Amino acid sequence: MRKYITSYSWQRLRKELGLYRLIMDIIVMIRVCKMFREGLRGFREFQIIASSQRKHPIFSVWDVKKQSRITFDTMDFIAKEGHFPPRAIKIMEKKPSWRTEQEIQALRNVLQDLDGYRNYAEPMQLLLAKVMRFERFGRRRVLIKKGQRGNSLYFIYLGSVAVTMDDDGSSAFLDPYPILLCKGSYFGEMGLKNASIRSTTVVCMEETELLVVDREDFLENNLDREVQKEAQHQFEFFRKMDLFALWSDEKLWQLVGLGKIEKFSYRQLISEDIVKSPFIRFVCKGTCEVLRLIDLGESPAYLKWIWQHLGLVDGRPLRYHFNEPSPRERFKEFQIKSYPLQDFSYLKLLHLQKAREKKGTSVSGTINTSENSLPKLLGPKIKSKHTHSIKWPMINTKFGELPKEAAVGAYMKIHNVEQGEIVGFHLFFLSDDECDTRPFILMSLGAEVIRMRRDKFYELIDDEIRESLSKSKVEYPSDEEICQKFLKENSWNMFQKDLLRLLVEPCRSPLFSPIRPKKKGIYDPKCLVLDLCSINKKTQPHHPVFMAPRKYLPPLRIVQGIRAPRYKIQELLPQYKSAGVLV
C-alpha cells in the first residue's frame, strides 16, 4: 500500500511539476558542456581581452619561443572614416627627439593625403612629420584671434574652418558663403617666420582634427633652412621674369614673402573660379588649362541642332519648336493688334482685280462682294496649336522649348596657361568694359604654381607694371562660339564612328578574353553620353549621372558627347553599298 502511494505521488509530481524532465535537461546540458570544454582545450593559450575604453577588442597570444605575450591591437590599423589613425596619434604624443626614423616615415606616408603637405619637398616633409602634434577641437572653437601674435602652423586633416574679419568668428555662422578651408589646407605659416600679428580670425565650423607645428620646434629642428631654400627657388623664378627685371633684390624678396608654392597633379582642380578668386597664380612649372562650364540649353545653335536631329523622329517643322513666329503669324499678329476683330484680306483681292483690269488682262473668276465677303471675325480662322506627335517632358527656354533630358552642360577647354604666365589679375587691371566676369575653371596638367593674394600684389607693384598687365589681355571666346565648337566636334565624332562601323567588317568570331569579375564602380562610359535616340522610351537605362553644382542655379548634368537620330550613312554616301567595300 505504501509503495502504491509513493509511485502515485511521484507520477503526480512528474505530471504536474515536470521535475523529471527538468532533471534530465540538466544532465544533458552538463554532458554537452563537458564535451565543449574538452574540445576547446587547445585554445586555452588564446585570450581576448575586452577593453572597456575600446570598441574593438585587443587580441593577445603567448609566444612559446620568446616566452612573452604578443598583443595585436586592431585600433592601430582601423580608424573611423576620415579620422586620423590612432597609431599615428600615439607617435605624435612622443617628443620630436624620441621619434624613430621608421615612425617619422610612417607619419609621412599617412600625411601624403594632404595637398598642403605634399607641396613641400621630401626633406621638409620628413622634418614636419618629426615635429607635428595632433589636436582635436569642437565647433565654434577659435584657433587664431585677430590682433594676437601667431606662433603655430596648422594643417587640416578633418573638418573645416572659416576665416573671418571679426574678433570671435561669429560672422562665419551668419554668412551664407563664408571663406572656408577644408581638408588638405594649411594656415598660420607667417607666424613661424616672424611671429607677426594676425589680421584675421580662424574658427572651427565643425569638429576638426588639426596637425600643429609650433614655432619653438620649428626653429629648434632647423626647418627654417628648408623654408629658405624654397624661398630662394621663388626668388630665382621671379628674377627670370621680364615683368620684374628692373626690381631690386629687396623688393623682390618682399614679393617672395607674399607667395606660396603649390604642386598639383595631372587633372587636379586648382580653382573653381579664377575671376572671383582672391588670389593670382604664377605658373612655375608645367601647364594649366582654362575650362568653361557651358549650359547648352542657353544656346540657339544647340536648340536648332537638337530639333534638326529629333525631326527625324518627330516629323514636325523646325520652326514649330522655336519662339520666333513665321511671317504669316507675324502678319496675323499685326492685324490682331491693329484691328482686333477685322479681316482685310478682301481688300487685297479688290486691289489685284483693279490692277489686272488696267493691264487689260482678264481675271479668272469673279470676286463675290456680297455680305458674306464683308469684314469677318478672325477668331474662327486662328487654328489651335499643333499637338505633339511624340510626347516629351519639355522645358521653356528663351529661344524655344527643349526636351528636359536634353538640358545638359559640358566642360570645354578654351585656353592654355604656359610656364611663366599669370592667371587671375583681370578684375584689378582691366576696366569693367574689358573684363570678362564669367566664371572660369583652372585645371592642372601637372603644374607647380605660386599663389598670392591679389590685393597684396596690387599694393606692391608700381604703375609701370600695372600698365603692362592691363595690356596683356586674354580674350576668351563667347559661350555661343564654345557651344558651336562642341557641336562640330560631336558631329564629327558621330560621323567618324558611323564611317568606321560601315567600312570595317565586324569580327564574326569574338576574340578570346579571360573572364574577369566586374568591378563595382560609379563610372560608366554611357553616363557621359546623352542618348537622344532613347529619349522617348518609357524605360530609361539606369546609368549614374554626373551633376555640376552651380551657385544660384540648380545642378546641371554633364556630358562629353551626344548620340542623336541621324540619316544612314549609305544615304549620305551612296558609293558605299556594303561594309568594307568602296564602289
Protein backbone atom coordinates (compact mmCIF):
# COMPACT_ATOMS: atom_id res chain seq x y z
CA MET A 1 0.00 0.00 0.00
CA ARG A 2 2.85 2.36 0.83
CA LYS A 3 4.62 1.53 -2.46
CA TYR A 4 1.48 2.27 -4.39
CA ILE A 5 1.04 5.62 -2.66
CA THR A 6 4.71 6.55 -3.34
CA SER A 7 4.51 5.71 -7.06
CA TYR A 8 1.23 7.56 -7.34
CA SER A 9 2.64 10.70 -5.70
CA TRP A 10 5.77 10.52 -7.89
CA GLN A 11 3.67 10.24 -11.05
CA ARG A 12 1.55 13.16 -9.92
CA LEU A 13 4.66 15.28 -9.19
CA ARG A 14 6.14 14.24 -12.51
CA LYS A 15 2.97 15.15 -14.33
CA GLU A 16 2.23 18.45 -12.63
CA LEU A 17 5.66 19.93 -11.96
CA GLY A 18 7.75 18.34 -14.70
CA LEU A 19 10.59 17.78 -12.28
CA TYR A 20 11.75 14.69 -14.08
CA ARG A 21 12.10 16.49 -17.43
CA LEU A 22 13.95 19.33 -15.73
CA ILE A 23 16.48 17.00 -14.15
CA MET A 24 17.07 15.20 -17.47
CA ASP A 25 17.67 18.51 -19.26
CA ILE A 26 20.23 19.50 -16.65
CA ILE A 27 22.07 16.22 -17.05
CA VAL A 28 22.22 16.59 -20.85
CA MET A 29 23.44 20.18 -20.60
CA ILE A 30 26.24 19.16 -18.21
CA ARG A 31 27.38 16.45 -20.60
CA VAL A 32 27.38 18.87 -23.59
CA CYS A 33 29.35 21.49 -21.69
CA LYS A 34 31.89 18.88 -20.71
CA MET A 35 32.33 17.89 -24.34
CA PHE A 36 32.88 21.52 -25.37
CA ARG A 37 35.47 22.05 -22.65
CA GLU A 38 37.42 19.04 -23.83
CA GLY A 39 37.22 20.18 -27.46
CA LEU A 40 38.38 23.74 -26.71
CA ARG A 41 41.35 22.61 -24.63
CA GLY A 42 43.74 23.52 -27.49
CA PHE A 43 42.62 27.17 -27.48
CA ARG A 44 43.37 27.91 -23.86
CA GLU A 45 46.51 29.85 -24.78
CA PHE A 46 44.44 32.31 -26.87
CA GLN A 47 42.74 35.10 -24.97
CA ILE A 48 40.52 38.02 -25.93
CA ILE A 49 40.87 40.99 -23.65
CA ALA A 50 37.82 43.21 -23.97
CA SER A 51 38.85 46.71 -23.05
CA SER A 52 36.19 48.95 -21.56
CA GLN A 53 37.61 52.01 -23.32
CA ARG A 54 37.73 50.50 -26.81
CA LYS A 55 35.01 49.34 -29.11
CA HIS A 56 37.34 46.84 -30.83
CA PRO A 57 38.99 44.00 -28.88
CA ILE A 58 42.72 43.51 -28.30
CA PHE A 59 43.94 40.04 -29.26
CA SER A 60 46.93 38.53 -27.43
CA VAL A 61 48.69 35.16 -27.70
CA TRP A 62 51.52 33.56 -25.74
CA ASP A 63 54.70 33.11 -27.79
CA VAL A 64 56.49 29.95 -26.62
CA LYS A 65 59.83 30.80 -28.27
CA LYS A 66 60.12 34.33 -26.90
CA GLN A 67 58.34 33.42 -23.66
CA SER A 68 56.28 36.58 -23.86
CA ARG A 69 52.81 37.65 -24.79
CA ILE A 70 52.23 39.18 -28.25
CA THR A 71 49.40 41.71 -28.39
CA PHE A 72 47.55 42.68 -31.57
CA ASP A 73 45.54 45.90 -31.24
CA THR A 74 43.04 46.33 -34.07
CA MET A 75 42.74 50.03 -33.30
CA ASP A 76 46.26 50.54 -34.64
CA PHE A 77 45.02 49.64 -38.11
CA ILE A 78 41.33 50.58 -38.03
CA ALA A 79 40.09 54.15 -37.75
CA LYS A 80 36.75 55.79 -38.22
CA GLU A 81 36.04 57.15 -41.65
CA GLY A 82 38.23 60.17 -42.29
CA HIS A 83 39.72 60.36 -38.80
CA PHE A 84 43.42 60.42 -38.04
CA PRO A 85 44.70 56.87 -37.28
CA PRO A 86 45.20 56.13 -33.56
CA ARG A 87 48.61 54.61 -34.24
CA ALA A 88 49.75 57.92 -35.74
CA ILE A 89 48.29 59.80 -32.75
CA LYS A 90 50.43 57.69 -30.41
CA ILE A 91 53.54 58.57 -32.40
CA MET A 92 52.72 62.29 -32.26
CA GLU A 93 52.30 62.12 -28.49
CA LYS A 94 56.04 61.50 -28.26
CA LYS A 95 58.58 64.31 -28.21
CA PRO A 96 60.24 65.03 -31.58
CA SER A 97 63.61 63.75 -30.31
CA TRP A 98 62.08 60.43 -29.22
CA ARG A 99 60.57 59.53 -32.59
CA THR A 100 62.42 56.93 -34.64
CA GLU A 101 63.09 57.15 -38.38
CA GLN A 102 60.57 54.41 -39.07
CA GLU A 103 57.87 56.28 -37.15
CA ILE A 104 58.65 59.52 -38.97
CA GLN A 105 58.47 57.74 -42.33
CA ALA A 106 55.14 56.14 -41.33
CA LEU A 107 53.75 59.58 -40.44
CA ARG A 108 54.94 60.97 -43.77
CA ASN A 109 53.10 58.21 -45.61
CA VAL A 110 49.89 58.96 -43.71
CA LEU A 111 50.18 62.71 -44.39
CA GLN A 112 50.50 62.28 -48.16
CA ASP A 113 46.73 62.58 -48.26
CA LEU A 114 47.02 66.32 -47.53
CA ASP A 115 47.53 68.61 -50.52
CA GLY A 116 49.24 71.31 -48.48
CA TYR A 117 51.71 68.80 -47.06
CA ARG A 118 52.59 67.41 -50.48
CA ASN A 119 53.57 70.89 -51.71
CA TYR A 120 56.79 70.69 -49.69
CA ALA A 121 59.92 68.85 -50.78
CA GLU A 122 60.75 65.46 -49.28
CA PRO A 123 63.32 66.74 -46.70
CA MET A 124 60.81 69.31 -45.48
CA GLN A 125 58.08 66.66 -45.26
CA LEU A 126 60.24 64.48 -43.02
CA LEU A 127 61.07 67.40 -40.74
CA LEU A 128 57.41 68.38 -40.47
CA ALA A 129 56.44 64.80 -39.60
CA LYS A 130 59.06 64.88 -36.86
CA VAL A 131 57.73 67.99 -35.07
CA MET A 132 53.96 67.77 -35.63
CA ARG A 133 51.49 67.26 -32.82
CA PHE A 134 47.81 66.25 -33.02
CA GLU A 135 44.90 68.39 -31.81
CA ARG A 136 41.12 67.95 -31.99
CA PHE A 137 38.74 70.90 -31.48
CA GLY A 138 34.98 71.22 -31.45
CA ARG A 139 32.61 73.52 -33.28
CA ARG A 140 32.96 77.30 -32.68
CA ARG A 141 36.46 76.91 -31.24
CA VAL A 142 38.59 79.96 -32.12
CA LEU A 143 42.03 78.84 -33.31
CA ILE A 144 43.52 82.19 -34.27
CA LYS A 145 42.21 85.51 -32.95
CA LYS A 146 42.57 88.77 -34.79
CA GLY A 147 45.16 91.12 -33.24
CA GLN A 148 47.16 88.41 -31.46
CA ARG A 149 50.60 87.14 -32.38
CA GLY A 150 50.73 83.76 -34.07
CA ASN A 151 53.32 81.10 -33.34
CA SER A 152 51.93 77.93 -34.97
CA LEU A 153 51.27 76.36 -38.36
CA TYR A 154 48.07 74.32 -38.78
CA PHE A 155 47.29 71.52 -41.25
CA ILE A 156 43.63 70.47 -41.51
CA TYR A 157 43.19 66.70 -41.55
CA LEU A 158 39.43 66.51 -40.90
CA GLY A 159 36.67 69.11 -40.80
CA SER A 160 36.68 72.73 -41.93
CA VAL A 161 37.50 76.17 -40.57
CA ALA A 162 36.31 79.65 -41.57
CA VAL A 163 38.34 82.84 -41.97
CA THR A 164 36.60 85.98 -40.71
CA MET A 165 37.45 89.62 -40.01
CA ASP A 166 35.74 89.87 -36.59
CA ASP A 167 37.25 89.02 -33.22
CA ASP A 168 35.19 85.99 -32.17
CA GLY A 169 34.40 84.39 -35.55
CA SER A 170 30.61 84.58 -35.07
CA SER A 171 30.09 86.13 -38.51
CA ALA A 172 31.12 82.84 -40.14
CA PHE A 173 27.93 81.19 -38.87
CA LEU A 174 25.76 84.02 -40.22
CA ASP A 175 27.39 84.44 -43.62
CA PRO A 176 25.74 82.15 -46.26
CA TYR A 177 29.03 81.93 -48.18
CA PRO A 178 31.93 82.13 -45.68
CA ILE A 179 35.58 81.71 -46.62
CA LEU A 180 36.23 78.05 -45.79
CA LEU A 181 39.41 75.97 -45.56
CA CYS A 182 38.88 72.23 -45.74
CA LYS A 183 40.98 69.06 -45.52
CA GLY A 184 44.43 69.44 -47.02
CA SER A 185 44.66 73.20 -46.47
CA TYR A 186 47.06 74.88 -44.08
CA PHE A 187 47.24 78.30 -42.45
CA GLY A 188 49.36 80.25 -39.98
CA GLU A 189 52.70 79.83 -41.77
CA MET A 190 53.53 83.53 -41.34
CA GLY A 191 53.61 83.02 -37.58
CA LEU A 192 56.57 80.64 -37.95
CA LYS A 193 58.68 83.17 -39.83
CA ASN A 194 58.32 86.36 -37.81
CA ALA A 195 55.53 85.84 -35.21
CA SER A 196 53.52 88.62 -36.82
CA ILE A 197 50.17 89.92 -35.58
CA ARG A 198 47.19 88.11 -37.07
CA SER A 199 44.92 90.13 -39.34
CA THR A 200 42.06 87.59 -39.41
CA THR A 201 40.23 85.19 -37.10
CA VAL A 202 40.03 81.44 -37.78
CA VAL A 203 37.17 79.47 -36.19
CA CYS A 204 36.14 75.80 -36.46
CA MET A 205 32.89 75.22 -38.34
CA GLU A 206 32.63 71.62 -37.10
CA GLU A 207 34.65 69.04 -35.19
CA THR A 208 38.11 69.49 -36.66
CA GLU A 209 41.32 67.48 -36.42
CA LEU A 210 44.49 69.54 -36.86
CA LEU A 211 48.22 68.82 -37.12
CA VAL A 212 50.11 71.65 -35.42
CA VAL A 213 53.73 72.79 -35.81
CA ASP A 214 54.89 75.15 -33.04
CA ARG A 215 57.43 77.90 -33.60
CA GLU A 216 59.84 76.55 -30.94
CA ASP A 217 60.04 73.11 -32.57
CA PHE A 218 60.22 74.76 -35.98
CA LEU A 219 63.39 76.70 -35.11
CA GLU A 220 64.94 74.00 -32.92
CA ASN A 221 64.87 71.39 -35.72
CA ASN A 222 66.19 73.78 -38.43
CA LEU A 223 63.02 73.84 -40.52
CA ASP A 224 63.71 77.48 -41.31
CA ARG A 225 66.65 76.43 -43.50
CA GLU A 226 64.40 74.29 -45.72
CA VAL A 227 61.93 77.16 -45.95
CA GLN A 228 64.75 79.44 -47.06
CA LYS A 229 65.66 77.00 -49.86
CA GLU A 230 62.10 77.09 -51.23
CA ALA A 231 62.09 80.89 -50.96
CA GLN A 232 65.30 81.01 -52.98
CA HIS A 233 63.59 78.93 -55.67
CA GLN A 234 60.78 81.51 -55.86
CA PHE A 235 63.29 84.37 -55.99
CA GLU A 236 65.08 82.84 -58.97
CA PHE A 237 61.79 82.33 -60.78
CA PHE A 238 60.68 85.96 -60.33
CA ARG A 239 64.12 87.24 -61.30
CA LYS A 240 63.89 85.46 -64.68
CA MET A 241 60.54 87.11 -65.50
CA ASP A 242 60.71 90.17 -67.75
CA LEU A 243 57.96 91.79 -65.69
CA PHE A 244 60.24 92.16 -62.63
CA ALA A 245 63.56 92.60 -64.42
CA LEU A 246 64.08 96.15 -63.11
CA TRP A 247 63.15 95.39 -59.50
CA SER A 248 65.75 95.42 -56.73
CA ASP A 249 66.52 92.31 -54.71
CA GLU A 250 64.95 93.80 -51.60
CA LYS A 251 61.63 94.45 -53.32
CA LEU A 252 61.72 91.05 -54.99
CA TRP A 253 62.15 89.36 -51.61
CA GLN A 254 59.02 91.20 -50.47
CA LEU A 255 57.19 89.61 -53.38
CA VAL A 256 58.57 86.20 -52.41
CA GLY A 257 57.19 86.65 -48.89
CA LEU A 258 53.67 87.01 -50.28
CA GLY A 259 53.67 83.74 -52.25
CA LYS A 260 53.06 80.08 -51.52
CA ILE A 261 54.27 77.21 -53.69
CA GLU A 262 51.56 74.69 -54.60
CA LYS A 263 52.02 71.48 -56.57
CA PHE A 264 49.14 69.85 -58.44
CA SER A 265 48.97 66.52 -60.18
CA TYR A 266 47.52 65.84 -63.62
CA ARG A 267 43.84 66.80 -63.95
CA GLN A 268 43.67 68.21 -60.43
CA LEU A 269 41.44 71.20 -59.81
CA ILE A 270 43.31 74.40 -58.94
CA SER A 271 40.50 76.97 -58.77
CA GLU A 272 36.76 76.77 -59.36
CA ASP A 273 36.56 80.41 -60.48
CA ILE A 274 39.71 82.34 -61.32
CA VAL A 275 37.75 85.58 -61.77
CA LYS A 276 36.22 85.76 -58.29
CA SER A 277 39.14 84.10 -56.56
CA PRO A 278 41.08 86.48 -54.27
CA PHE A 279 44.39 85.03 -55.48
CA ILE A 280 46.59 85.33 -58.53
CA ARG A 281 48.81 82.46 -59.63
CA PHE A 282 52.20 82.32 -61.37
CA VAL A 283 52.87 79.08 -63.25
CA CYS A 284 56.42 77.96 -62.32
CA LYS A 285 56.46 74.55 -63.99
CA GLY A 286 54.17 72.58 -66.25
CA THR A 287 50.96 73.67 -67.94
CA CYS A 288 47.43 74.53 -66.88
CA GLU A 289 44.25 74.82 -68.89
CA VAL A 290 41.26 77.11 -68.50
CA LEU A 291 37.85 75.41 -68.73
CA ARG A 292 34.40 76.87 -69.10
CA LEU A 293 31.19 75.15 -67.98
CA ILE A 294 28.58 75.99 -70.62
CA ASP A 295 24.86 75.42 -70.38
CA LEU A 296 23.98 74.10 -73.83
CA GLY A 297 20.29 74.87 -73.33
CA GLU A 298 21.05 78.60 -73.42
CA SER A 299 22.46 78.46 -76.96
CA PRO A 300 20.20 78.90 -80.02
CA ALA A 301 22.63 76.83 -82.11
CA TYR A 302 22.21 73.88 -79.73
CA LEU A 303 18.42 74.19 -79.78
CA LYS A 304 18.39 74.20 -83.57
CA TRP A 305 20.81 71.25 -83.71
CA ILE A 306 18.68 69.20 -81.31
CA TRP A 307 15.44 69.69 -83.25
CA GLN A 308 17.14 69.04 -86.58
CA HIS A 309 18.01 65.56 -85.36
CA LEU A 310 14.81 64.99 -83.42
CA GLY A 311 12.89 66.00 -86.56
CA LEU A 312 13.64 62.53 -87.92
CA VAL A 313 11.56 61.15 -85.06
CA ASP A 314 9.06 63.93 -84.51
CA GLY A 315 8.30 64.86 -88.13
CA ARG A 316 7.23 68.43 -87.34
CA PRO A 317 8.77 71.53 -88.95
CA LEU A 318 11.78 73.04 -87.26
CA ARG A 319 10.18 76.45 -86.71
CA TYR A 320 7.44 74.87 -84.61
CA HIS A 321 9.77 74.45 -81.65
CA PHE A 322 11.16 78.00 -81.69
CA ASN A 323 9.71 81.12 -80.23
CA GLU A 324 10.30 83.02 -83.49
CA PRO A 325 6.95 83.28 -85.34
CA SER A 326 6.64 82.75 -89.10
CA PRO A 327 5.95 85.74 -91.44
CA ARG A 328 2.29 84.76 -91.74
CA GLU A 329 1.94 84.54 -87.97
CA ARG A 330 3.63 87.92 -87.57
CA PHE A 331 1.19 89.43 -90.11
CA LYS A 332 -1.79 87.93 -88.30
CA GLU A 333 -0.44 89.22 -85.01
CA PHE A 334 -0.12 92.68 -86.56
CA GLN A 335 -3.73 92.51 -87.75
CA ILE A 336 -4.97 91.42 -84.34
CA LYS A 337 -3.08 94.20 -82.56
CA SER A 338 -4.16 96.85 -85.07
CA TYR A 339 -7.79 95.81 -85.70
CA PRO A 340 -8.69 93.07 -83.25
CA LEU A 341 -11.91 91.97 -84.98
CA GLN A 342 -11.31 92.70 -88.67
CA ASP A 343 -10.02 90.68 -91.63
CA PHE A 344 -8.97 92.82 -94.62
CA SER A 345 -7.96 90.04 -96.98
CA TYR A 346 -10.81 91.02 -99.38
CA LEU A 347 -9.11 94.39 -99.94
CA LYS A 348 -6.13 92.60 -101.43
CA LEU A 349 -8.40 90.79 -103.90
CA LEU A 350 -10.05 94.06 -104.99
CA HIS A 351 -6.64 95.64 -105.48
CA LEU A 352 -5.49 92.73 -107.64
CA GLN A 353 -8.66 92.91 -109.79
CA LYS A 354 -8.22 96.63 -110.47
CA ALA A 355 -4.55 96.16 -111.33
CA ARG A 356 -5.34 93.41 -113.85
CA GLU A 357 -8.16 95.45 -115.45
CA LYS A 358 -5.74 98.33 -116.05
CA LYS A 359 -3.30 95.99 -117.82
CA GLY A 360 -6.13 94.59 -119.98
CA THR A 361 -5.96 91.09 -118.55
CA SER A 362 -8.98 89.10 -117.55
CA VAL A 363 -9.46 87.66 -114.17
CA SER A 364 -10.43 84.03 -113.92
CA GLY A 365 -13.34 84.03 -111.53
CA THR A 366 -15.28 86.90 -110.05
CA ILE A 367 -14.98 88.44 -106.66
CA ASN A 368 -18.03 87.97 -104.57
CA THR A 369 -18.86 91.26 -102.87
CA SER A 370 -21.94 90.07 -101.10
CA GLU A 371 -22.49 90.42 -97.42
CA ASN A 372 -20.53 87.24 -96.80
CA SER A 373 -17.34 88.93 -98.05
CA LEU A 374 -17.65 91.83 -95.70
CA PRO A 375 -15.23 92.04 -92.78
CA LYS A 376 -15.42 88.93 -90.68
CA LEU A 377 -14.18 87.88 -87.28
CA LEU A 378 -10.65 86.44 -87.16
CA GLY A 379 -11.43 84.17 -84.25
CA PRO A 380 -12.55 81.06 -86.18
CA LYS A 381 -9.61 81.40 -88.61
CA ILE A 382 -6.93 81.12 -85.90
CA LYS A 383 -6.19 77.43 -85.54
CA SER A 384 -5.18 75.87 -82.28
CA LYS A 385 -1.56 74.86 -81.66
CA HIS A 386 -0.48 71.59 -83.24
CA THR A 387 -0.41 68.75 -80.73
CA HIS A 388 2.71 66.77 -80.04
CA SER A 389 3.01 63.65 -82.16
CA ILE A 390 5.53 62.30 -79.64
CA LYS A 391 5.25 63.45 -76.07
CA TRP A 392 8.38 64.56 -74.27
CA PRO A 393 8.66 66.40 -70.98
CA MET A 394 9.59 69.91 -72.08
CA ILE A 395 11.17 72.97 -70.52
CA ASN A 396 10.84 76.51 -71.82
CA THR A 397 13.99 78.43 -72.72
CA LYS A 398 14.36 81.95 -74.06
CA PHE A 399 14.88 80.54 -77.56
CA GLY A 400 12.10 77.93 -77.54
CA GLU A 401 11.08 74.65 -75.98
CA LEU A 402 13.62 71.93 -75.30
CA PRO A 403 13.25 68.32 -74.08
CA LYS A 404 14.02 68.11 -70.39
CA GLU A 405 16.55 65.31 -70.90
CA ALA A 406 18.45 67.44 -73.42
CA ALA A 407 19.11 70.27 -70.94
CA VAL A 408 22.74 69.40 -70.26
CA GLY A 409 26.11 71.11 -69.97
CA ALA A 410 29.72 70.42 -70.89
CA TYR A 411 33.20 71.44 -69.81
CA MET A 412 35.12 72.95 -72.72
CA LYS A 413 38.78 73.88 -72.90
CA ILE A 414 39.27 77.47 -74.06
CA HIS A 415 42.87 78.41 -73.19
CA ASN A 416 46.28 77.01 -72.17
CA VAL A 417 48.42 78.68 -69.49
CA GLU A 418 52.11 78.00 -70.05
CA GLN A 419 55.12 78.37 -67.77
CA GLY A 420 55.81 81.98 -66.75
CA GLU A 421 52.25 83.25 -67.30
CA ILE A 422 49.94 84.84 -64.72
CA VAL A 423 46.33 83.88 -64.05
CA GLY A 424 43.67 85.82 -62.15
CA PHE A 425 44.59 89.51 -62.50
CA HIS A 426 41.63 90.55 -64.68
CA LEU A 427 39.45 92.39 -62.16
CA PHE A 428 42.20 94.68 -60.84
CA PHE A 429 43.99 95.62 -64.02
CA LEU A 430 41.19 95.78 -66.60
CA SER A 431 38.24 98.14 -66.83
CA ASP A 432 34.67 96.95 -66.35
CA ASP A 433 34.04 97.02 -70.11
CA GLU A 434 37.13 94.95 -70.93
CA CYS A 435 36.90 92.49 -68.03
CA ASP A 436 35.19 89.14 -68.63
CA THR A 437 33.25 88.31 -65.46
CA ARG A 438 32.16 84.82 -66.49
CA PRO A 439 33.33 82.01 -64.16
CA PHE A 440 36.33 80.07 -65.50
CA ILE A 441 37.90 76.92 -64.06
CA LEU A 442 41.65 76.39 -63.77
CA MET A 443 42.79 72.77 -64.18
CA SER A 444 46.30 71.42 -63.74
CA LEU A 445 48.11 69.29 -66.31
CA GLY A 446 50.90 68.59 -63.85
CA ALA A 447 51.90 72.07 -62.71
CA GLU A 448 53.65 73.95 -59.92
CA VAL A 449 52.26 77.42 -59.18
CA ILE A 450 52.98 80.30 -56.80
CA ARG A 451 49.83 81.65 -55.19
CA MET A 452 49.50 85.08 -53.57
CA ARG A 453 46.70 87.42 -52.62
CA ARG A 454 45.63 89.77 -55.39
CA ASP A 455 45.23 92.86 -53.19
CA LYS A 456 48.68 92.44 -51.59
CA PHE A 457 50.25 92.05 -55.03
CA TYR A 458 48.44 95.15 -56.29
CA GLU A 459 49.79 97.24 -53.39
CA LEU A 460 53.37 96.11 -54.00
CA ILE A 461 53.69 96.71 -57.77
CA ASP A 462 54.23 100.11 -59.41
CA ASP A 463 52.33 101.94 -62.15
CA GLU A 464 54.58 100.64 -64.92
CA ILE A 465 53.77 97.01 -64.14
CA ARG A 466 50.08 97.82 -63.80
CA GLU A 467 50.12 99.35 -67.27
CA SER A 468 51.92 96.35 -68.79
CA LEU A 469 49.49 93.93 -67.13
CA SER A 470 46.49 95.89 -68.40
CA LYS A 471 47.79 95.49 -71.96
CA SER A 472 48.19 91.72 -71.65
CA LYS A 473 44.53 90.94 -72.11
CA VAL A 474 43.48 87.38 -72.94
CA GLU A 475 40.25 87.25 -74.92
CA TYR A 476 38.18 84.13 -74.33
CA PRO A 477 35.52 83.01 -76.85
CA SER A 478 31.85 83.62 -76.14
CA ASP A 479 29.54 80.87 -74.90
CA GLU A 480 27.86 80.68 -78.32
CA GLU A 481 31.21 80.10 -80.03
CA ILE A 482 32.15 77.46 -77.45
CA CYS A 483 28.80 75.71 -77.99
CA GLN A 484 29.24 75.71 -81.77
CA LYS A 485 32.70 74.21 -81.33
CA PHE A 486 31.22 71.47 -79.11
CA LEU A 487 28.53 70.66 -81.70
CA LYS A 488 31.09 70.49 -84.54
CA GLU A 489 33.29 68.13 -82.57
CA ASN A 490 30.30 66.00 -81.61
CA SER A 491 29.02 65.80 -85.22
CA TRP A 492 32.47 64.80 -86.43
CA ASN A 493 32.75 62.10 -83.75
CA MET A 494 29.33 60.67 -84.75
CA PHE A 495 30.28 60.62 -88.45
CA GLN A 496 33.65 59.05 -87.64
CA LYS A 497 32.05 56.22 -85.65
CA ASP A 498 29.41 55.58 -88.32
CA LEU A 499 32.01 55.52 -91.09
CA LEU A 500 34.26 53.20 -89.13
CA ARG A 501 31.34 50.89 -88.43
CA LEU A 502 30.49 50.85 -92.16
CA LEU A 503 33.99 50.28 -93.57
CA VAL A 504 35.28 47.77 -91.05
CA GLU A 505 33.71 44.35 -91.19
CA PRO A 506 32.59 43.12 -87.80
CA CYS A 507 34.57 40.30 -86.30
CA ARG A 508 32.48 37.16 -86.66
CA SER A 509 34.31 35.17 -84.00
CA PRO A 510 34.92 37.23 -80.87
CA LEU A 511 38.47 37.45 -79.63
CA PHE A 512 39.42 35.39 -76.62
CA SER A 513 39.26 37.35 -73.44
CA PRO A 514 39.58 35.89 -69.96
CA ILE A 515 36.54 36.11 -67.76
CA ARG A 516 37.05 38.71 -65.12
CA PRO A 517 34.67 39.74 -62.39
CA LYS A 518 33.10 43.13 -62.95
CA LYS A 519 34.40 45.79 -60.63
CA LYS A 520 31.87 47.79 -58.76
CA GLY A 521 32.21 51.46 -59.63
CA ILE A 522 30.15 54.52 -60.36
CA TYR A 523 31.82 55.31 -63.68
CA ASP A 524 30.19 54.14 -66.88
CA PRO A 525 31.11 55.49 -70.35
CA LYS A 526 27.42 55.67 -71.23
CA CYS A 527 26.70 58.03 -68.35
CA LEU A 528 28.66 60.82 -70.09
CA VAL A 529 26.76 60.48 -73.38
CA LEU A 530 23.29 61.93 -73.92
CA ASP A 531 21.30 59.41 -75.98
CA LEU A 532 18.54 61.22 -77.86
CA CYS A 533 17.56 58.00 -79.65
CA SER A 534 16.03 56.61 -76.46
CA ILE A 535 14.63 59.87 -75.13
CA ASN A 536 11.05 58.81 -75.91
CA LYS A 537 11.33 55.32 -74.43
CA LYS A 538 9.45 54.59 -71.25
CA THR A 539 12.28 52.60 -69.71
CA GLN A 540 15.49 54.60 -69.50
CA PRO A 541 18.83 52.86 -68.82
CA HIS A 542 19.86 53.49 -65.23
CA HIS A 543 23.35 54.93 -65.56
CA PRO A 544 24.93 57.15 -62.92
CA VAL A 545 24.66 60.82 -63.82
CA PHE A 546 27.36 63.42 -63.12
CA MET A 547 25.93 66.73 -61.93
CA ALA A 548 27.84 70.02 -61.78
CA PRO A 549 26.80 72.24 -58.85
CA ARG A 550 26.07 75.89 -59.56
CA LYS A 551 25.86 78.71 -57.05
CA TYR A 552 22.46 80.25 -57.79
CA LEU A 553 21.05 77.68 -60.24
CA PRO A 554 20.07 74.01 -59.95
CA PRO A 555 22.75 71.39 -60.73
CA LEU A 556 23.44 70.68 -64.38
CA ARG A 557 24.06 67.27 -65.92
CA ILE A 558 27.49 66.96 -67.54
CA VAL A 559 28.06 65.11 -70.82
CA GLN A 560 31.01 64.58 -73.13
CA GLY A 561 29.03 63.73 -76.24
CA ILE A 562 25.53 63.44 -77.69
CA ARG A 563 24.14 60.49 -79.65
CA ALA A 564 21.28 61.71 -81.85
CA PRO A 565 18.98 60.24 -84.55
CA ARG A 566 20.52 60.72 -88.00
CA TYR A 567 20.31 59.53 -91.57
CA LYS A 568 22.05 56.32 -92.51
CA ILE A 569 25.48 56.88 -93.91
CA GLN A 570 24.54 54.91 -97.06
CA GLU A 571 22.10 57.67 -97.91
CA LEU A 572 24.77 60.33 -97.49
CA LEU A 573 27.48 58.34 -99.28
CA PRO A 574 25.79 56.10 -101.88
CA GLN A 575 29.12 54.79 -103.13
CA TYR A 576 29.31 52.63 -100.00
CA LYS A 577 26.98 49.70 -100.60
CA SER A 578 28.22 47.28 -98.01
CA ALA A 579 30.66 47.24 -95.18
CA GLY A 580 34.28 47.15 -96.24
CA VAL A 581 33.51 47.71 -99.96
CA LEU A 582 34.09 51.02 -101.74
CA VAL A 583 32.30 51.28 -105.10
